[in-house]
Amino acid sequence: MKISDGFDARRLRPKGPSNWRLRLCAGFAALLAMLGVLLAMAGAANLLGSSPALGELNASPGGAAVLLAVGLLVLWLGVWLWRRCRRMRQPLSLNIASHLMKKHD
């Protein structure tokens, strides 16, 4: 079967306006996740006996534990925000049942 010359595959998925707000949100979420990883690594390094990474902020084991907990909380917040921003972009895709699609995030 020959495809006619008037066929345009781009019409199957209409392209909406680009949403920069979601892209900025995803970038901010990635920065939060990186900051959380760095804070958690600094707290864990001090708890394991390495020299304080942030000076007097985590010189004691209690301060290092608080830094580790805050780092994990910021990491969780960044990952949650990243997944939320990715989920908000999903309605622009094809209308396929969600259980038939591959899990990407």
PDB file of N, CA and C in Angstrom:
ATOM      1  N   MET A   1       0.832  -1.163   0.000  1.00  0.00           N
ATOM      2  CA  MET A   1       0.000   0.000   0.000  1.00  0.00           C
ATOM      3  C   MET A   1       0.888   1.240   0.000  1.00  0.00           C
ATOM      4  N   LYS A   2       0.596   2.134  -0.883  1.00  0.00           N
ATOM      5  CA  LYS A   2       1.404   3.336  -1.028  1.00  0.00           C
ATOM      6  C   LYS A   2       0.826   4.469  -0.174  1.00  0.00           C
ATOM      7  N   ILE A   3       1.719   5.147   0.542  1.00  0.00           N
ATOM      8  CA  ILE A   3       1.289   6.291   1.345  1.00  0.00           C
ATOM      9  C   ILE A   3       1.174   7.494   0.424  1.00  0.00           C
ATOM     10  N   SER A   4       0.068   8.189   0.550  1.00  0.00           N
ATOM     11  CA  SER A   4      -0.135   9.340  -0.330  1.00  0.00           C
ATOM     12  C   SER A   4       0.826  10.458   0.035  1.00  0.00           C
ATOM     13  N   ASP A   5       1.033  11.346  -0.905  1.00  0.00           N
ATOM     14  CA  ASP A   5       1.968  12.444  -0.688  1.00  0.00           C
ATOM     15  C   ASP A   5       1.439  13.458   0.322  1.00  0.00           C
ATOM     16  N   GLY A   6       0.162  13.474   0.582  1.00  0.00           N
ATOM     17  CA  GLY A   6      -0.406  14.455   1.504  1.00  0.00           C
ATOM     18  C   GLY A   6      -0.352  14.010   2.958  1.00  0.00           C
ATOM     19  N   PHE A   7       0.237  12.823   3.246  1.00  0.00           N
ATOM     20  CA  PHE A   7       0.274  12.322   4.608  1.00  0.00           C
ATOM     21  C   PHE A   7       1.348  13.059   5.417  1.00  0.00           C
ATOM     22  N   ASP A   8       0.997  13.505   6.609  1.00  0.00           N
ATOM     23  CA  ASP A   8       1.933  14.178   7.493  1.00  0.00           C
ATOM     24  C   ASP A   8       1.823  13.550   8.873  1.00  0.00           C
ATOM     25  N   ALA A   9       2.859  12.847   9.298  1.00  0.00           N
ATOM     26  CA  ALA A   9       2.821  12.137  10.581  1.00  0.00           C
ATOM     27  C   ALA A   9       2.773  13.090  11.761  1.00  0.00           C
ATOM     28  N   ARG A  10       3.201  14.335  11.587  1.00  0.00           N
ATOM     29  CA  ARG A  10       3.189  15.286  12.695  1.00  0.00           C
ATOM     30  C   ARG A  10       1.769  15.661  13.115  1.00  0.00           C
ATOM     31  N   ARG A  11       0.797  15.425  12.243  1.00  0.00           N
ATOM     32  CA  ARG A  11      -0.583  15.728  12.608  1.00  0.00           C
ATOM     33  C   ARG A  11      -1.148  14.725  13.598  1.00  0.00           C
ATOM     34  N   LEU A  12      -0.541  13.554  13.727  1.00  0.00           N
ATOM     35  CA  LEU A  12      -1.048  12.552  14.660  1.00  0.00           C
ATOM     36  C   LEU A  12      -0.882  13.002  16.107  1.00  0.00           C
ATOM     37  N   ARG A  13       0.175  13.724  16.393  1.00  0.00           N
ATOM     38  CA  ARG A  13       0.420  14.245  17.729  1.00  0.00           C
ATOM     39  C   ARG A  13       0.593  15.753  17.618  1.00  0.00           C
ATOM     40  N   PRO A  14      -0.472  16.489  17.803  1.00  0.00           N
ATOM     41  CA  PRO A  14      -0.356  17.940  17.647  1.00  0.00           C
ATOM     42  C   PRO A  14       0.584  18.525  18.689  1.00  0.00           C
ATOM     43  N   LYS A  15       1.434  19.415  18.235  1.00  0.00           N
ATOM     44  CA  LYS A  15       2.422  20.020  19.119  1.00  0.00           C
ATOM     45  C   LYS A  15       1.828  21.272  19.754  1.00  0.00           C
ATOM     46  N   GLY A  16       1.735  21.239  21.062  1.00  0.00           N
ATOM     47  CA  GLY A  16       1.220  22.383  21.796  1.00  0.00           C
ATOM     48  C   GLY A  16       2.329  23.378  22.070  1.00  0.00           C
ATOM     49  N   PRO A  17       1.982  24.449  22.717  1.00  0.00           N
ATOM     50  CA  PRO A  17       3.015  25.443  23.053  1.00  0.00           C
ATOM     51  C   PRO A  17       3.987  24.872  24.079  1.00  0.00           C
ATOM     52  N   SER A  18       5.261  25.205  23.941  1.00  0.00           N
ATOM     53  CA  SER A  18       6.246  24.706  24.893  1.00  0.00           C
ATOM     54  C   SER A  18       6.030  25.372  26.243  1.00  0.00           C
ATOM     55  N   ASN A  19       6.178  24.601  27.268  1.00  0.00           N
ATOM     56  CA  ASN A  19       5.902  25.084  28.613  1.00  0.00           C
ATOM     57  C   ASN A  19       7.221  25.252  29.360  1.00  0.00           C
ATOM     58  N   TRP A  20       7.737  26.462  29.383  1.00  0.00           N
ATOM     59  CA  TRP A  20       9.021  26.738  30.033  1.00  0.00           C
ATOM     60  C   TRP A  20       8.910  26.646  31.537  1.00  0.00           C
ATOM     61  N   ARG A  21       7.717  26.856  32.068  1.00  0.00           N
ATOM     62  CA  ARG A  21       7.553  26.787  33.517  1.00  0.00           C
ATOM     63  C   ARG A  21       7.850  25.376  34.032  1.00  0.00           C
ATOM     64  N   LEU A  22       7.399  24.366  33.304  1.00  0.00           N
ATOM     65  CA  LEU A  22       7.676  22.993  33.721  1.00  0.00           C
ATOM     66  C   LEU A  22       9.152  22.654  33.581  1.00  0.00           C
ATOM     67  N   ARG A  23       9.794  23.198  32.562  1.00  0.00           N
ATOM     68  CA  ARG A  23      11.229  22.950  32.394  1.00  0.00           C
ATOM     69  C   ARG A  23      12.032  23.602  33.504  1.00  0.00           C
ATOM     70  N   LEU A  24      11.657  24.818  33.882  1.00  0.00           N
ATOM     71  CA  LEU A  24      12.345  25.488  34.984  1.00  0.00           C
ATOM     72  C   LEU A  24      12.096  24.758  36.301  1.00  0.00           C
ATOM     73  N   CYS A  25      10.876  24.255  36.465  1.00  0.00           N
ATOM     74  CA  CYS A  25      10.550  23.487  37.665  1.00  0.00           C
ATOM     75  C   CYS A  25      11.399  22.217  37.736  1.00  0.00           C
ATOM     76  N   ALA A  26      11.555  21.533  36.612  1.00  0.00           N
ATOM     77  CA  ALA A  26      12.370  20.320  36.590  1.00  0.00           C
ATOM     78  C   ALA A  26      13.841  20.645  36.846  1.00  0.00           C
ATOM     79  N   GLY A  27      14.328  21.753  36.317  1.00  0.00           N
ATOM     80  CA  GLY A  27      15.710  22.157  36.581  1.00  0.00           C
ATOM     81  C   GLY A  27      15.927  22.504  38.039  1.00  0.00           C
ATOM     82  N   PHE A  28      14.974  23.213  38.647  1.00  0.00           N
ATOM     83  CA  PHE A  28      15.063  23.536  40.071  1.00  0.00           C
ATOM     84  C   PHE A  28      15.030  22.263  40.910  1.00  0.00           C
ATOM     85  N   ALA A  29      14.199  21.303  40.519  1.00  0.00           N
ATOM     86  CA  ALA A  29      14.119  20.036  41.242  1.00  0.00           C
ATOM     87  C   ALA A  29      15.429  19.270  41.149  1.00  0.00           C
ATOM     88  N   ALA A  30      16.074  19.306  39.989  1.00  0.00           N
ATOM     89  CA  ALA A  30      17.369  18.632  39.841  1.00  0.00           C
ATOM     90  C   ALA A  30      18.424  19.302  40.718  1.00  0.00           C
ATOM     91  N   LEU A  31      18.397  20.633  40.796  1.00  0.00           N
ATOM     92  CA  LEU A  31      19.339  21.335  41.675  1.00  0.00           C
ATOM     93  C   LEU A  31      19.085  20.985  43.144  1.00  0.00           C
ATOM     94  N   LEU A  32      17.820  20.897  43.532  1.00  0.00           N
ATOM     95  CA  LEU A  32      17.504  20.491  44.902  1.00  0.00           C
ATOM     96  C   LEU A  32      18.011  19.087  45.203  1.00  0.00           C
ATOM     97  N   ALA A  33      17.832  18.180  44.263  1.00  0.00           N
ATOM     98  CA  ALA A  33      18.296  16.810  44.469  1.00  0.00           C
ATOM     99  C   ALA A  33      19.817  16.761  44.597  1.00  0.00           C
ATOM    100  N   MET A  34      20.522  17.531  43.770  1.00  0.00           N
ATOM    101  CA  MET A  34      21.991  17.553  43.869  1.00  0.00           C
ATOM    102  C   MET A  34      22.444  18.148  45.197  1.00  0.00           C
ATOM    103  N   LEU A  35      21.780  19.214  45.643  1.00  0.00           N
ATOM    104  CA  LEU A  35      22.115  19.817  46.928  1.00  0.00           C
ATOM    105  C   LEU A  35      21.863  18.830  48.061  1.00  0.00           C
ATOM    106  N   GLY A  36      20.769  18.082  47.975  1.00  0.00           N
ATOM    107  CA  GLY A  36      20.477  17.071  48.994  1.00  0.00           C
ATOM    108  C   GLY A  36      21.525  15.985  49.041  1.00  0.00           C
ATOM    109  N   VAL A  37      21.988  15.541  47.876  1.00  0.00           N
ATOM    110  CA  VAL A  37      23.033  14.514  47.835  1.00  0.00           C
ATOM    111  C   VAL A  37      24.317  15.045  48.462  1.00  0.00           C
ATOM    112  N   LEU A  38      24.682  16.282  48.133  1.00  0.00           N
ATOM    113  CA  LEU A  38      25.917  16.848  48.683  1.00  0.00           C
ATOM    114  C   LEU A  38      25.828  17.025  50.199  1.00  0.00           C
ATOM    115  N   LEU A  39      24.694  17.512  50.699  1.00  0.00           N
ATOM    116  CA  LEU A  39      24.535  17.657  52.139  1.00  0.00           C
ATOM    117  C   LEU A  39      24.559  16.308  52.851  1.00  0.00           C
ATOM    118  N   ALA A  40      23.891  15.324  52.285  1.00  0.00           N
ATOM    119  CA  ALA A  40      23.876  13.997  52.892  1.00  0.00           C
ATOM    120  C   ALA A  40      25.268  13.378  52.878  1.00  0.00           C
ATOM    121  N   MET A  41      26.018  13.588  51.808  1.00  0.00           N
ATOM    122  CA  MET A  41      27.388  13.045  51.757  1.00  0.00           C
ATOM    123  C   MET A  41      28.279  13.724  52.782  1.00  0.00           C
ATOM    124  N   ALA A  42      28.118  15.040  52.977  1.00  0.00           N
ATOM    125  CA  ALA A  42      28.928  15.749  53.972  1.00  0.00           C
ATOM    126  C   ALA A  42      28.597  15.264  55.377  1.00  0.00           C
ATOM    127  N   GLY A  43      27.323  15.081  55.674  1.00  0.00           N
ATOM    128  CA  GLY A  43      26.939  14.576  56.995  1.00  0.00           C
ATOM    129  C   GLY A  43      27.407  13.157  57.231  1.00  0.00           C
ATOM    130  N   ALA A  44      27.286  12.302  56.213  1.00  0.00           N
ATOM    131  CA  ALA A  44      27.722  10.912  56.357  1.00  0.00           C
ATOM    132  C   ALA A  44      29.244  10.821  56.489  1.00  0.00           C
ATOM    133  N   ALA A  45      29.959  11.669  55.774  1.00  0.00           N
ATOM    134  CA  ALA A  45      31.424  11.646  55.872  1.00  0.00           C
ATOM    135  C   ALA A  45      31.877  12.039  57.273  1.00  0.00           C
ATOM    136  N   ASN A  46      31.217  12.997  57.876  1.00  0.00           N
ATOM    137  CA  ASN A  46      31.588  13.389  59.233  1.00  0.00           C
ATOM    138  C   ASN A  46      31.214  12.312  60.243  1.00  0.00           C
ATOM    139  N   LEU A  47      30.079  11.646  60.039  1.00  0.00           N
ATOM    140  CA  LEU A  47      29.704  10.561  60.951  1.00  0.00           C
ATOM    141  C   LEU A  47      30.649   9.373  60.850  1.00  0.00           C
ATOM    142  N   LEU A  48      31.223   9.156  59.688  1.00  0.00           N
ATOM    143  CA  LEU A  48      32.143   8.036  59.505  1.00  0.00           C
ATOM    144  C   LEU A  48      33.556   8.353  59.965  1.00  0.00           C
ATOM    145  N   GLY A  49      33.793   9.579  60.406  1.00  0.00           N
ATOM    146  CA  GLY A  49      35.087   9.886  60.998  1.00  0.00           C
ATOM    147  C   GLY A  49      35.978  10.770  60.168  1.00  0.00           C
ATOM    148  N   SER A  50      35.537  11.227  59.054  1.00  0.00           N
ATOM    149  CA  SER A  50      36.350  12.121  58.240  1.00  0.00           C
ATOM    150  C   SER A  50      36.316  13.515  58.840  1.00  0.00           C
ATOM    151  N   SER A  51      37.183  14.382  58.352  1.00  0.00           N
ATOM    152  CA  SER A  51      37.214  15.748  58.871  1.00  0.00           C
ATOM    153  C   SER A  51      35.937  16.478  58.485  1.00  0.00           C
ATOM    154  N   PRO A  52      35.537  17.479  59.270  1.00  0.00           N
ATOM    155  CA  PRO A  52      34.293  18.195  58.961  1.00  0.00           C
ATOM    156  C   PRO A  52      34.356  18.861  57.588  1.00  0.00           C
ATOM    157  N   ALA A  53      33.343  18.610  56.785  1.00  0.00           N
ATOM    158  CA  ALA A  53      33.328  19.151  55.425  1.00  0.00           C
ATOM    159  C   ALA A  53      32.831  20.589  55.387  1.00  0.00           C
ATOM    160  N   LEU A  54      32.020  20.965  56.346  1.00  0.00           N
ATOM    161  CA  LEU A  54      31.445  22.310  56.347  1.00  0.00           C
ATOM    162  C   LEU A  54      31.896  23.123  57.554  1.00  0.00           C
ATOM    163  N   GLY A  55      33.068  22.851  58.060  1.00  0.00           N
ATOM    164  CA  GLY A  55      33.609  23.624  59.175  1.00  0.00           C
ATOM    165  C   GLY A  55      32.875  23.327  60.471  1.00  0.00           C
ATOM    166  N   GLU A  56      32.491  24.385  61.178  1.00  0.00           N
ATOM    167  CA  GLU A  56      31.846  24.241  62.478  1.00  0.00           C
ATOM    168  C   GLU A  56      30.391  23.800  62.389  1.00  0.00           C
ATOM    169  N   LEU A  57      29.835  23.814  61.190  1.00  0.00           N
ATOM    170  CA  LEU A  57      28.419  23.466  61.041  1.00  0.00           C
ATOM    171  C   LEU A  57      28.151  22.021  61.436  1.00  0.00           C
ATOM    172  N   ASN A  58      29.052  21.133  61.079  1.00  0.00           N
ATOM    173  CA  ASN A  58      28.848  19.724  61.423  1.00  0.00           C
ATOM    174  C   ASN A  58      30.073  19.156  62.132  1.00  0.00           C
ATOM    175  N   ALA A  59      30.639  19.901  63.072  1.00  0.00           N
ATOM    176  CA  ALA A  59      31.816  19.433  63.794  1.00  0.00           C
ATOM    177  C   ALA A  59      31.462  18.366  64.817  1.00  0.00           C
ATOM    178  N   SER A  60      30.242  18.377  65.346  1.00  0.00           N
ATOM    179  CA  SER A  60      29.839  17.377  66.331  1.00  0.00           C
ATOM    180  C   SER A  60      29.041  16.271  65.645  1.00  0.00           C
ATOM    181  N   PRO A  61      29.000  15.096  66.272  1.00  0.00           N
ATOM    182  CA  PRO A  61      28.192  14.004  65.680  1.00  0.00           C
ATOM    183  C   PRO A  61      26.708  14.349  65.603  1.00  0.00           C
ATOM    184  N   GLY A  62      26.200  15.119  66.554  1.00  0.00           N
ATOM    185  CA  GLY A  62      24.794  15.514  66.498  1.00  0.00           C
ATOM    186  C   GLY A  62      24.517  16.431  65.321  1.00  0.00           C
ATOM    187  N   GLY A  63      25.422  17.383  65.088  1.00  0.00           N
ATOM    188  CA  GLY A  63      25.263  18.284  63.947  1.00  0.00           C
ATOM    189  C   GLY A  63      25.388  17.540  62.632  1.00  0.00           C
ATOM    190  N   ALA A  64      26.280  16.544  62.600  1.00  0.00           N
ATOM    191  CA  ALA A  64      26.430  15.750  61.376  1.00  0.00           C
ATOM    192  C   ALA A  64      25.179  14.927  61.100  1.00  0.00           C
ATOM    193  N   ALA A  65      24.558  14.409  62.161  1.00  0.00           N
ATOM    194  CA  ALA A  65      23.324  13.633  61.975  1.00  0.00           C
ATOM    195  C   ALA A  65      22.197  14.529  61.477  1.00  0.00           C
ATOM    196  N   VAL A  66      22.129  15.750  62.007  1.00  0.00           N
ATOM    197  CA  VAL A  66      21.105  16.700  61.537  1.00  0.00           C
ATOM    198  C   VAL A  66      21.365  17.061  60.084  1.00  0.00           C
ATOM    199  N   LEU A  67      22.638  17.264  59.730  1.00  0.00           N
ATOM    200  CA  LEU A  67      22.987  17.588  58.341  1.00  0.00           C
ATOM    201  C   LEU A  67      22.631  16.440  57.396  1.00  0.00           C
ATOM    202  N   LEU A  68      22.881  15.212  57.847  1.00  0.00           N
ATOM    203  CA  LEU A  68      22.513  14.040  57.046  1.00  0.00           C
ATOM    204  C   LEU A  68      21.000  13.963  56.863  1.00  0.00           C
ATOM    205  N   ALA A  69      20.247  14.202  57.930  1.00  0.00           N
ATOM    206  CA  ALA A  69      18.782  14.141  57.837  1.00  0.00           C
ATOM    207  C   ALA A  69      18.242  15.242  56.933  1.00  0.00           C
ATOM    208  N   VAL A  70      18.783  16.456  57.058  1.00  0.00           N
ATOM    209  CA  VAL A  70      18.334  17.557  56.198  1.00  0.00           C
ATOM    210  C   VAL A  70      18.685  17.265  54.745  1.00  0.00           C
ATOM    211  N   GLY A  71      19.867  16.700  54.512  1.00  0.00           N
ATOM    212  CA  GLY A  71      20.270  16.346  53.146  1.00  0.00           C
ATOM    213  C   GLY A  71      19.345  15.316  52.526  1.00  0.00           C
ATOM    214  N   LEU A  72      18.978  14.301  53.307  1.00  0.00           N
ATOM    215  CA  LEU A  72      18.054  13.288  52.788  1.00  0.00           C
ATOM    216  C   LEU A  72      16.672  13.871  52.541  1.00  0.00           C
ATOM    217  N   LEU A  73      16.246  14.794  53.399  1.00  0.00           N
ATOM    218  CA  LEU A  73      14.949  15.441  53.208  1.00  0.00           C
ATOM    219  C   LEU A  73      14.945  16.307  51.948  1.00  0.00           C
ATOM    220  N   VAL A  74      16.015  17.054  51.722  1.00  0.00           N
ATOM    221  CA  VAL A  74      16.106  17.893  50.518  1.00  0.00           C
ATOM    222  C   VAL A  74      16.191  17.011  49.269  1.00  0.00           C
ATOM    223  N   LEU A  75      16.909  15.892  49.365  1.00  0.00           N
ATOM    224  CA  LEU A  75      16.975  14.948  48.239  1.00  0.00           C
ATOM    225  C   LEU A  75      15.594  14.397  47.926  1.00  0.00           C
ATOM    226  N   TRP A  76      14.861  13.988  48.949  1.00  0.00           N
ATOM    227  CA  TRP A  76      13.506  13.471  48.734  1.00  0.00           C
ATOM    228  C   TRP A  76      12.603  14.532  48.103  1.00  0.00           C
ATOM    229  N   LEU A  77      12.705  15.770  48.596  1.00  0.00           N
ATOM    230  CA  LEU A  77      11.899  16.857  48.053  1.00  0.00           C
ATOM    231  C   LEU A  77      12.233  17.110  46.579  1.00  0.00           C
ATOM    232  N   GLY A  78      13.519  17.074  46.227  1.00  0.00           N
ATOM    233  CA  GLY A  78      13.921  17.273  44.834  1.00  0.00           C
ATOM    234  C   GLY A  78      13.411  16.175  43.919  1.00  0.00           C
ATOM    235  N   VAL A  79      13.500  14.928  44.367  1.00  0.00           N
ATOM    236  CA  VAL A  79      13.013  13.808  43.547  1.00  0.00           C
ATOM    237  C   VAL A  79      11.499  13.869  43.410  1.00  0.00           C
ATOM    238  N   TRP A  80      10.794  14.213  44.498  1.00  0.00           N
ATOM    239  CA  TRP A  80       9.331  14.325  44.437  1.00  0.00           C
ATOM    240  C   TRP A  80       8.909  15.419  43.464  1.00  0.00           C
ATOM    241  N   LEU A  81       9.586  16.563  43.552  1.00  0.00           N
ATOM    242  CA  LEU A  81       9.255  17.674  42.654  1.00  0.00           C
ATOM    243  C   LEU A  81       9.572  17.327  41.206  1.00  0.00           C
ATOM    244  N   TRP A  82      10.689  16.632  40.973  1.00  0.00           N
ATOM    245  CA  TRP A  82      11.065  16.199  39.622  1.00  0.00           C
ATOM    246  C   TRP A  82       9.993  15.289  39.037  1.00  0.00           C
ATOM    247  N   ARG A  83       9.562  14.309  39.824  1.00  0.00           N
ATOM    248  CA  ARG A  83       8.540  13.379  39.327  1.00  0.00           C
ATOM    249  C   ARG A  83       7.213  14.094  39.088  1.00  0.00           C
ATOM    250  N   ARG A  84       6.873  15.051  39.915  1.00  0.00           N
ATOM    251  CA  ARG A  84       5.631  15.805  39.735  1.00  0.00           C
ATOM    252  C   ARG A  84       5.674  16.638  38.456  1.00  0.00           C
ATOM    253  N   CYS A  85       6.829  17.265  38.193  1.00  0.00           N
ATOM    254  CA  CYS A  85       6.965  18.046  36.955  1.00  0.00           C
ATOM    255  C   CYS A  85       6.907  17.144  35.725  1.00  0.00           C
ATOM    256  N   ARG A  86       7.501  15.966  35.819  1.00  0.00           N
ATOM    257  CA  ARG A  86       7.454  15.031  34.689  1.00  0.00           C
ATOM    258  C   ARG A  86       6.036  14.533  34.457  1.00  0.00           C
ATOM    259  N   ARG A  87       5.298  14.297  35.536  1.00  0.00           N
ATOM    260  CA  ARG A  87       3.929  13.802  35.404  1.00  0.00           C
ATOM    261  C   ARG A  87       3.015  14.865  34.811  1.00  0.00           C
ATOM    262  N   MET A  88       3.310  16.138  35.080  1.00  0.00           N
ATOM    263  CA  MET A  88       2.473  17.206  34.542  1.00  0.00           C
ATOM    264  C   MET A  88       2.648  17.360  33.039  1.00  0.00           C
ATOM    265  N   ARG A  89       3.754  16.890  32.485  1.00  0.00           N
ATOM    266  CA  ARG A  89       3.971  16.963  31.043  1.00  0.00           C
ATOM    267  C   ARG A  89       3.345  15.793  30.304  1.00  0.00           C
ATOM    268  N   GLN A  90       2.900  14.768  30.998  1.00  0.00           N
ATOM    269  CA  GLN A  90       2.368  13.572  30.364  1.00  0.00           C
ATOM    270  C   GLN A  90       1.092  13.789  29.547  1.00  0.00           C
ATOM    271  N   PRO A  91       0.177  14.686  29.913  1.00  0.00           N
ATOM    272  CA  PRO A  91      -1.044  14.812  29.107  1.00  0.00           C
ATOM    273  C   PRO A  91      -0.794  15.224  27.659  1.00  0.00           C
ATOM    274  N   LEU A  92       0.411  15.668  27.309  1.00  0.00           N
ATOM    275  CA  LEU A  92       0.706  16.039  25.927  1.00  0.00           C
ATOM    276  C   LEU A  92       1.015  14.827  25.051  1.00  0.00           C
ATOM    277  N   SER A  93       1.118  13.643  25.654  1.00  0.00           N
ATOM    278  CA  SER A  93       1.492  12.467  24.885  1.00  0.00           C
ATOM    279  C   SER A  93       0.248  11.822  24.259  1.00  0.00           C
ATOM    280  N   LEU A  94       0.462  10.710  23.597  1.00  0.00           N
ATOM    281  CA  LEU A  94      -0.645  10.010  22.954  1.00  0.00           C
ATOM    282  C   LEU A  94      -1.595   9.441  23.990  1.00  0.00           C
ATOM    283  N   ASN A  95      -2.833   9.234  23.602  1.00  0.00           N
ATOM    284  CA  ASN A  95      -3.827   8.684  24.509  1.00  0.00           C
ATOM    285  C   ASN A  95      -3.771   7.165  24.470  1.00  0.00           C
ATOM    286  N   ILE A  96      -2.884   6.610  25.276  1.00  0.00           N
ATOM    287  CA  ILE A  96      -2.720   5.167  25.385  1.00  0.00           C
ATOM    288  C   ILE A  96      -2.941   4.814  26.847  1.00  0.00           C
ATOM    289  N   ALA A  97      -3.496   3.638  27.096  1.00  0.00           N
ATOM    290  CA  ALA A  97      -3.705   3.217  28.474  1.00  0.00           C
ATOM    291  C   ALA A  97      -2.374   3.215  29.213  1.00  0.00           C
ATOM    292  N   SER A  98      -2.370   3.712  30.449  1.00  0.00           N
ATOM    293  CA  SER A  98      -1.115   3.898  31.184  1.00  0.00           C
ATOM    294  C   SER A  98      -0.430   2.576  31.487  1.00  0.00           C
ATOM    295  N   HIS A  99      -1.177   1.484  31.642  1.00  0.00           N
ATOM    296  CA  HIS A  99      -0.525   0.210  31.959  1.00  0.00           C
ATOM    297  C   HIS A  99       0.141  -0.421  30.728  1.00  0.00           C
ATOM    298  N   LEU A 100      -0.120   0.095  29.534  1.00  0.00           N
ATOM    299  CA  LEU A 100       0.524  -0.426  28.336  1.00  0.00           C
ATOM    300  C   LEU A 100       1.828   0.289  28.008  1.00  0.00           C
ATOM    301  N   MET A 101       2.066   1.437  28.649  1.00  0.00           N
ATOM    302  CA  MET A 101       3.264   2.211  28.366  1.00  0.00           C
ATOM    303  C   MET A 101       4.402   1.762  29.271  1.00  0.00           C
ATOM    304  N   LYS A 102       5.638   1.990  28.816  1.00  0.00           N
ATOM    305  CA  LYS A 102       6.807   1.649  29.631  1.00  0.00           C
ATOM    306  C   LYS A 102       6.935   2.666  30.745  1.00  0.00           C
ATOM    307  N   LYS A 103       7.478   2.221  31.857  1.00  0.00           N
ATOM    308  CA  LYS A 103       7.700   3.111  32.991  1.00  0.00           C
ATOM    309  C   LYS A 103       9.034   3.821  32.770  1.00  0.00           C
ATOM    310  N   HIS A 104       8.991   5.167  32.643  1.00  0.00           N
ATOM    311  CA  HIS A 104      10.209   5.927  32.386  1.00  0.00           C
ATOM    312  C   HIS A 104      10.710   6.657  33.602  1.00  0.00           C
ATOM    313  N   ASP A 105       9.886   6.862  34.637  1.00  0.00           N
ATOM    314  CA  ASP A 105      10.412   7.532  35.831  1.00  0.00           C
ATOM    315  C   ASP A 105       9.981   6.857  37.085  1.00  0.00           C
TER     316      ASP A 105
END
